[in-house]
Amino acid sequence: QVQVVESGGGLVQPGGSLRLSCAASGIIFSSNAMGWYRQAPGKQRELVAAITSGGSTNYADSVKGRFTISRDNAKNTVYLQMNSLKPEDTAVYYCNANYGLYTYWGQGTQVTVSS
């Protein structure tokens, strides 16, 4: 059974930082591309950052220079370090694991940036 579980969300002031974690089980983690997506109220889900099985990364323009995605294959975990957070970063953040035709989603973790 595949499980994808996010953690680390919360309330943070503008300019602050958070680190999200996503633990995956039931898959060959090292073979999967992993991604972080977010969905704000009334908006479509959008890609925030992704990392391939080989470690290549890409980011949405809106988070470049502020967010960093990384993975630890020994721990079956992917991280999203978020710095210089802005109110517009407020959203539910979802973790995605993808291998070919197979894709798995977590339940999401809320990130709220507000003073």
C-alpha atoms as a PDB file:
ATOM      1  CA  GLN A   1       0.000   0.000   0.000  1.00  0.00           C
ATOM      2  CA  VAL A   2       1.394   3.358  -1.053  1.00  0.00           C
ATOM      3  CA  GLN A   3       1.423   6.155   1.472  1.00  0.00           C
ATOM      4  CA  VAL A   4       2.533   9.740   0.943  1.00  0.00           C
ATOM      5  CA  VAL A   5       2.445  11.844   4.101  1.00  0.00           C
ATOM      6  CA  GLU A   6       3.277  15.542   4.376  1.00  0.00           C
ATOM      7  CA  SER A   7       4.220  17.370   7.555  1.00  0.00           C
ATOM      8  CA  GLY A   8       5.675  20.673   8.683  1.00  0.00           C
ATOM      9  CA  GLY A   9       2.989  23.144   7.721  1.00  0.00           C
ATOM     10  CA  GLY A  10       1.770  25.882  10.011  1.00  0.00           C
ATOM     11  CA  LEU A  11       1.361  29.589  10.594  1.00  0.00           C
ATOM     12  CA  VAL A  12       4.360  31.820   9.956  1.00  0.00           C
ATOM     13  CA  GLN A  13       4.876  35.562   9.686  1.00  0.00           C
ATOM     14  CA  PRO A  14       5.875  37.180   6.395  1.00  0.00           C
ATOM     15  CA  GLY A  15       9.607  36.829   5.900  1.00  0.00           C
ATOM     16  CA  GLY A  16       9.731  33.678   7.966  1.00  0.00           C
ATOM     17  CA  SER A  17      10.713  30.131   7.072  1.00  0.00           C
ATOM     18  CA  LEU A  18       9.213  26.661   7.162  1.00  0.00           C
ATOM     19  CA  ARG A  19      10.452  23.245   6.120  1.00  0.00           C
ATOM     20  CA  LEU A  20       7.958  20.763   4.767  1.00  0.00           C
ATOM     21  CA  SER A  21       8.664  17.048   4.768  1.00  0.00           C
ATOM     22  CA  CYS A  22       7.062  14.281   2.753  1.00  0.00           C
ATOM     23  CA  ALA A  23       7.593  10.644   3.628  1.00  0.00           C
ATOM     24  CA  ALA A  24       6.640   8.005   1.078  1.00  0.00           C
ATOM     25  CA  SER A  25       6.279   4.266   1.559  1.00  0.00           C
ATOM     26  CA  GLY A  26       5.183   1.380  -0.606  1.00  0.00           C
ATOM     27  CA  ILE A  27       7.145   2.671  -3.602  1.00  0.00           C
ATOM     28  CA  ILE A  28      10.724   2.447  -4.792  1.00  0.00           C
ATOM     29  CA  PHE A  29      11.353   5.971  -3.620  1.00  0.00           C
ATOM     30  CA  SER A  30      14.691   6.470  -5.355  1.00  0.00           C
ATOM     31  CA  SER A  31      13.089   5.760  -8.735  1.00  0.00           C
ATOM     32  CA  ASN A  32      10.333   8.304  -8.339  1.00  0.00           C
ATOM     33  CA  ALA A  33      10.286  11.921  -9.331  1.00  0.00           C
ATOM     34  CA  MET A  34       8.938  13.915  -6.398  1.00  0.00           C
ATOM     35  CA  GLY A  35       7.130  17.201  -6.454  1.00  0.00           C
ATOM     36  CA  TRP A  36       5.524  19.798  -4.249  1.00  0.00           C
ATOM     37  CA  TYR A  37       2.320  21.435  -5.433  1.00  0.00           C
ATOM     38  CA  ARG A  38       0.086  23.980  -3.772  1.00  0.00           C
ATOM     39  CA  GLN A  39      -3.493  25.062  -4.012  1.00  0.00           C
ATOM     40  CA  ALA A  40      -4.803  28.338  -2.661  1.00  0.00           C
ATOM     41  CA  PRO A  41      -8.525  28.934  -2.109  1.00  0.00           C
ATOM     42  CA  GLY A  42     -10.291  29.521  -5.404  1.00  0.00           C
ATOM     43  CA  LYS A  43      -7.200  28.691  -7.453  1.00  0.00           C
ATOM     44  CA  GLN A  44      -5.951  25.696  -9.373  1.00  0.00           C
ATOM     45  CA  ARG A  45      -3.310  23.415  -7.989  1.00  0.00           C
ATOM     46  CA  GLU A  46       0.106  24.484  -9.243  1.00  0.00           C
ATOM     47  CA  LEU A  47       3.574  23.012  -9.293  1.00  0.00           C
ATOM     48  CA  VAL A  48       5.916  24.632  -6.789  1.00  0.00           C
ATOM     49  CA  ALA A  49       9.057  22.519  -7.132  1.00  0.00           C
ATOM     50  CA  ALA A  50      10.093  19.127  -8.416  1.00  0.00           C
ATOM     51  CA  ILE A  51      13.103  16.861  -8.196  1.00  0.00           C
ATOM     52  CA  THR A  52      13.874  13.941 -10.474  1.00  0.00           C
ATOM     53  CA  SER A  53      15.216  10.582  -9.414  1.00  0.00           C
ATOM     54  CA  GLY A  54      18.614  11.841 -10.545  1.00  0.00           C
ATOM     55  CA  GLY A  55      18.409  14.987  -8.435  1.00  0.00           C
ATOM     56  CA  SER A  56      17.616  17.587 -11.085  1.00  0.00           C
ATOM     57  CA  THR A  57      15.307  20.295  -9.836  1.00  0.00           C
ATOM     58  CA  ASN A  58      12.916  22.862 -11.233  1.00  0.00           C
ATOM     59  CA  TYR A  59      10.893  25.595  -9.601  1.00  0.00           C
ATOM     60  CA  ALA A  60       7.953  27.838 -10.278  1.00  0.00           C
ATOM     61  CA  ASP A  61       9.134  31.340 -11.105  1.00  0.00           C
ATOM     62  CA  SER A  62       7.280  32.678  -8.074  1.00  0.00           C
ATOM     63  CA  VAL A  63       9.446  30.699  -5.637  1.00  0.00           C
ATOM     64  CA  LYS A  64      12.836  30.681  -7.340  1.00  0.00           C
ATOM     65  CA  GLY A  65      15.555  31.852  -4.987  1.00  0.00           C
ATOM     66  CA  ARG A  66      13.313  31.381  -1.932  1.00  0.00           C
ATOM     67  CA  PHE A  67      12.388  27.683  -1.914  1.00  0.00           C
ATOM     68  CA  THR A  68      14.651  24.653  -2.130  1.00  0.00           C
ATOM     69  CA  ILE A  69      13.578  21.092  -2.796  1.00  0.00           C
ATOM     70  CA  SER A  70      15.770  18.191  -1.749  1.00  0.00           C
ATOM     71  CA  ARG A  71      15.485  14.470  -1.221  1.00  0.00           C
ATOM     72  CA  ASP A  72      16.981  11.864   1.087  1.00  0.00           C
ATOM     73  CA  ASN A  73      16.573   8.481  -0.555  1.00  0.00           C
ATOM     74  CA  ALA A  74      17.831   6.692   2.552  1.00  0.00           C
ATOM     75  CA  LYS A  75      14.876   8.118   4.471  1.00  0.00           C
ATOM     76  CA  ASN A  76      12.341   7.957   1.604  1.00  0.00           C
ATOM     77  CA  THR A  77      11.707  11.634   2.240  1.00  0.00           C
ATOM     78  CA  VAL A  78      11.559  14.798   0.184  1.00  0.00           C
ATOM     79  CA  TYR A  79      11.821  18.257   1.704  1.00  0.00           C
ATOM     80  CA  LEU A  80      10.777  21.757   0.766  1.00  0.00           C
ATOM     81  CA  GLN A  81      12.697  24.501   2.522  1.00  0.00           C
ATOM     82  CA  MET A  82      10.711  27.722   2.247  1.00  0.00           C
ATOM     83  CA  ASN A  83      12.390  31.009   3.099  1.00  0.00           C
ATOM     84  CA  SER A  84      11.290  34.639   2.813  1.00  0.00           C
ATOM     85  CA  LEU A  85       7.684  33.550   2.882  1.00  0.00           C
ATOM     86  CA  LYS A  86       5.024  35.881   1.555  1.00  0.00           C
ATOM     87  CA  PRO A  87       1.284  36.040   2.192  1.00  0.00           C
ATOM     88  CA  GLU A  88       0.726  34.823  -1.365  1.00  0.00           C
ATOM     89  CA  ASP A  89       2.483  31.572  -0.452  1.00  0.00           C
ATOM     90  CA  THR A  90      -0.519  30.703   1.708  1.00  0.00           C
ATOM     91  CA  ALA A  91      -1.990  27.447   0.420  1.00  0.00           C
ATOM     92  CA  VAL A  92      -2.381  23.761   1.050  1.00  0.00           C
ATOM     93  CA  TYR A  93       0.859  22.106  -0.016  1.00  0.00           C
ATOM     94  CA  TYR A  94       0.700  18.641  -1.534  1.00  0.00           C
ATOM     95  CA  CYS A  95       3.448  16.115  -2.128  1.00  0.00           C
ATOM     96  CA  ASN A  96       3.443  14.036  -5.294  1.00  0.00           C
ATOM     97  CA  ALA A  97       5.345  10.892  -6.204  1.00  0.00           C
ATOM     98  CA  ASN A  98       5.537   9.985  -9.863  1.00  0.00           C
ATOM     99  CA  TYR A  99       6.920   6.996 -11.733  1.00  0.00           C
ATOM    100  CA  GLY A 100       5.822   6.653 -15.315  1.00  0.00           C
ATOM    101  CA  LEU A 101       2.050   6.245 -15.378  1.00  0.00           C
ATOM    102  CA  TYR A 102       1.876   5.952 -11.617  1.00  0.00           C
ATOM    103  CA  THR A 103       1.302   9.039  -9.511  1.00  0.00           C
ATOM    104  CA  TYR A 104       0.465   9.329  -5.838  1.00  0.00           C
ATOM    105  CA  TRP A 105      -0.658  12.272  -3.742  1.00  0.00           C
ATOM    106  CA  GLY A 106      -0.538  13.083  -0.091  1.00  0.00           C
ATOM    107  CA  GLN A 107      -3.375  14.643   1.866  1.00  0.00           C
ATOM    108  CA  GLY A 108      -1.734  18.051   2.036  1.00  0.00           C
ATOM    109  CA  THR A 109      -0.456  20.346   4.748  1.00  0.00           C
ATOM    110  CA  GLN A 110      -1.657  23.900   5.338  1.00  0.00           C
ATOM    111  CA  VAL A 111       0.803  26.763   5.144  1.00  0.00           C
ATOM    112  CA  THR A 112      -0.456  30.159   6.255  1.00  0.00           C
ATOM    113  CA  VAL A 113       1.695  33.263   5.971  1.00  0.00           C
ATOM    114  CA  SER A 114       0.193  36.093   7.953  1.00  0.00           C
ATOM    115  CA  SER A 115       1.088  38.715  10.506  1.00  0.00           C
END
